[in-house]
Structure formats: C-alpha cells, structure tokens
C-alpha cells in the first residue's frame, strides 16, 4: 500500500480526521481527537505507527521483522510498521484494529456524535 491508499482507507472510516500536529512530514490520523495512526511521509520504505493490544504486538514483532516498538510512543501499545513486503490484508487489519481500540476508548457521547 502507498501513502494515498492508506490515507483513503483511513478517511473512509467514521469520524476520521487528518492533521500534521508535530511537523510537515508526519501525518496523524485521529478519531474523536485521539490518534490511531501516524504515517511518516518522508521515510522510504513507507512507515506507519498503529496502536495494538500488547499480546498481539508481541506476536506481530516475533513474526515480522518489519514490525517493531514505535519510536517516541509507548512500545507496549504502539508498533512501527515498515510496509515493505507486508500484505495489504495485514496492513488493513492493523489499521482497523488501531481504529477500533481508539474508538472503543471514546466516551459514549463522542461515539454517538461520530456515528451520526
């Protein structure tokens, strides 16, 4: 997947916004004003950071050398993913998982507003 495909995939989800809060190179995708994906637009191969539950994080890191603890993030809950050589299905599954973890953590009021 390339950066545009990831952007389109994320923006198709309910309540997702994009911004550059840190610098001009790191695109941040949020739901309910909480980050669920960061994408470094300057790095090659393309790299994203996504939230994952700790157990799955460990499994992914053991199975794929492209997946490591996310730089400047809580490495228990966030993974850096170099997309080079990974299948689209796995990338989408990690994005979906990250979105769902964040969405579940939102207040009931915010969830209702986003689902309208």
Protein backbone atom coordinates (compact mmCIF):
# COMPACT_ATOMS: atom_id res chain seq x y z
CA UNK A 1 0.00 0.00 0.00
CA UNK A 2 1.19 3.52 -0.65
CA UNK A 3 0.54 6.67 1.38
CA UNK A 4 -2.52 7.69 -0.66
CA UNK A 5 -4.11 4.26 -0.28
CA UNK A 6 -3.60 4.37 3.49
CA UNK A 7 -4.97 7.90 3.68
CA UNK A 8 -8.07 6.94 1.67
CA UNK A 9 -8.55 3.77 3.72
CA UNK A 10 -8.42 5.70 7.00
CA UNK A 11 -10.61 8.59 5.83
CA UNK A 12 -13.33 6.13 4.79
CA UNK A 13 -13.85 5.29 8.47
CA UNK A 14 -16.41 7.18 10.61
CA UNK A 15 -15.18 10.38 12.24
CA UNK A 16 -11.58 10.26 11.00
CA UNK A 17 -9.61 13.47 10.61
CA UNK A 18 -6.08 14.11 9.38
CA UNK A 19 -3.53 16.66 10.55
CA UNK A 20 0.17 17.47 10.90
CA UNK A 21 0.44 18.39 14.61
CA UNK A 22 4.14 17.54 15.01
CA UNK A 23 5.84 18.54 11.76
CA UNK A 24 5.25 18.67 8.00
CA UNK A 25 6.32 15.06 7.46
CA UNK A 26 4.25 13.08 9.97
CA UNK A 27 0.60 12.69 9.03
CA UNK A 28 -1.61 11.89 12.01
CA UNK A 29 -5.00 10.21 11.67
CA UNK A 30 -7.43 10.69 14.55
CA UNK A 31 -10.88 9.58 15.59
CA UNK A 32 -12.63 11.57 18.31
CA UNK A 33 -9.49 13.74 18.51
CA UNK A 34 -7.35 10.72 19.53
CA UNK A 35 -4.54 9.35 17.37
CA UNK A 36 -4.86 5.89 15.86
CA UNK A 37 -2.25 6.10 13.08
CA UNK A 38 0.87 8.10 12.32
CA UNK A 39 2.49 7.97 8.90
CA UNK A 40 5.95 9.23 8.04
CA UNK A 41 5.64 10.65 4.53
CA UNK A 42 9.38 11.16 4.03
CA UNK A 43 10.69 7.72 5.01
CA UNK A 44 11.24 5.04 2.42
CA UNK A 45 10.02 2.38 2.61
CA UNK A 46 6.77 3.84 3.87
CA UNK A 47 6.30 3.50 7.63
CA UNK A 48 3.25 3.81 9.85
CA UNK A 49 2.67 3.56 13.60
CA UNK A 50 -0.50 1.91 14.88
CA UNK A 51 -1.91 1.01 18.27
CA UNK A 52 -2.26 -2.69 19.06
CA UNK A 53 -3.14 -4.65 22.16
CA UNK A 54 0.03 -5.83 23.94
CA UNK A 55 -0.45 -9.54 23.24
CA UNK A 56 -0.91 -9.05 19.51
CA UNK A 57 2.00 -6.57 19.46
CA UNK A 58 4.33 -9.28 20.74
CA UNK A 59 3.07 -11.80 18.19
CA UNK A 60 3.49 -9.34 15.32
CA UNK A 61 7.01 -8.37 16.37
CA UNK A 62 8.05 -12.03 16.62
CA UNK A 63 6.55 -12.90 13.25
CA UNK A 64 7.55 -9.87 11.13
CA UNK A 65 10.93 -8.11 11.19
CA UNK A 66 9.20 -5.03 9.69
CA UNK A 67 7.24 -4.51 12.94
CA UNK A 68 8.93 -3.01 16.00
CA UNK A 69 8.05 -0.88 19.02
CA UNK A 70 7.03 2.60 17.87
CA UNK A 71 9.58 5.38 18.21
CA UNK A 72 8.55 8.06 20.76
CA UNK A 73 5.45 6.05 21.71
CA UNK A 74 4.52 3.53 24.39
CA UNK A 75 6.15 0.44 22.91
CA UNK A 76 3.76 -1.85 24.76
CA UNK A 77 0.79 -0.45 22.85
CA UNK A 78 2.23 1.07 19.66
CA UNK A 79 4.05 -0.57 16.75
CA UNK A 80 6.09 0.96 13.95
CA UNK A 81 5.41 -0.88 10.75
CA UNK A 82 7.63 -0.71 7.68
CA UNK A 83 5.20 -1.60 4.91
CA UNK A 84 7.84 -3.06 2.62
CA UNK A 85 6.97 -6.71 1.99
CA UNK A 86 3.78 -6.82 4.07
CA UNK A 87 0.48 -7.90 2.53
CA UNK A 88 -2.34 -5.41 2.17
CA UNK A 89 -4.66 -7.60 4.28
CA UNK A 90 -2.30 -7.48 7.26
CA UNK A 91 -1.80 -3.71 6.93
CA UNK A 92 -5.56 -3.13 6.79
CA UNK A 93 -6.10 -5.46 9.74
CA UNK A 94 -3.61 -3.47 11.85
CA UNK A 95 -5.21 -0.15 10.83
CA UNK A 96 -8.69 -1.49 11.63
CA UNK A 97 -7.50 -2.82 14.99
CA UNK A 98 -5.91 0.50 15.92
CA UNK A 99 -9.04 2.45 14.91
CA UNK A 100 -11.28 0.08 16.90
CA UNK A 101 -9.11 0.29 20.03
CA UNK A 102 -9.27 4.08 19.98
CA UNK A 103 -12.97 4.20 19.06
CA UNK A 104 -13.81 1.87 21.99
CA UNK A 105 -11.96 4.20 24.37
CA UNK A 106 -14.10 7.22 23.41
CA UNK A 107 -16.95 8.45 25.58
CA UNK A 108 -20.46 7.34 24.71
CA UNK A 109 -21.36 10.92 23.75
CA UNK A 110 -18.47 11.23 21.27
CA UNK A 111 -19.23 7.78 19.77
CA UNK A 112 -22.84 8.78 19.15
CA UNK A 113 -21.77 12.06 17.51
CA UNK A 114 -19.30 10.27 15.23
CA UNK A 115 -21.80 7.64 14.17
CA UNK A 116 -24.40 10.21 13.04
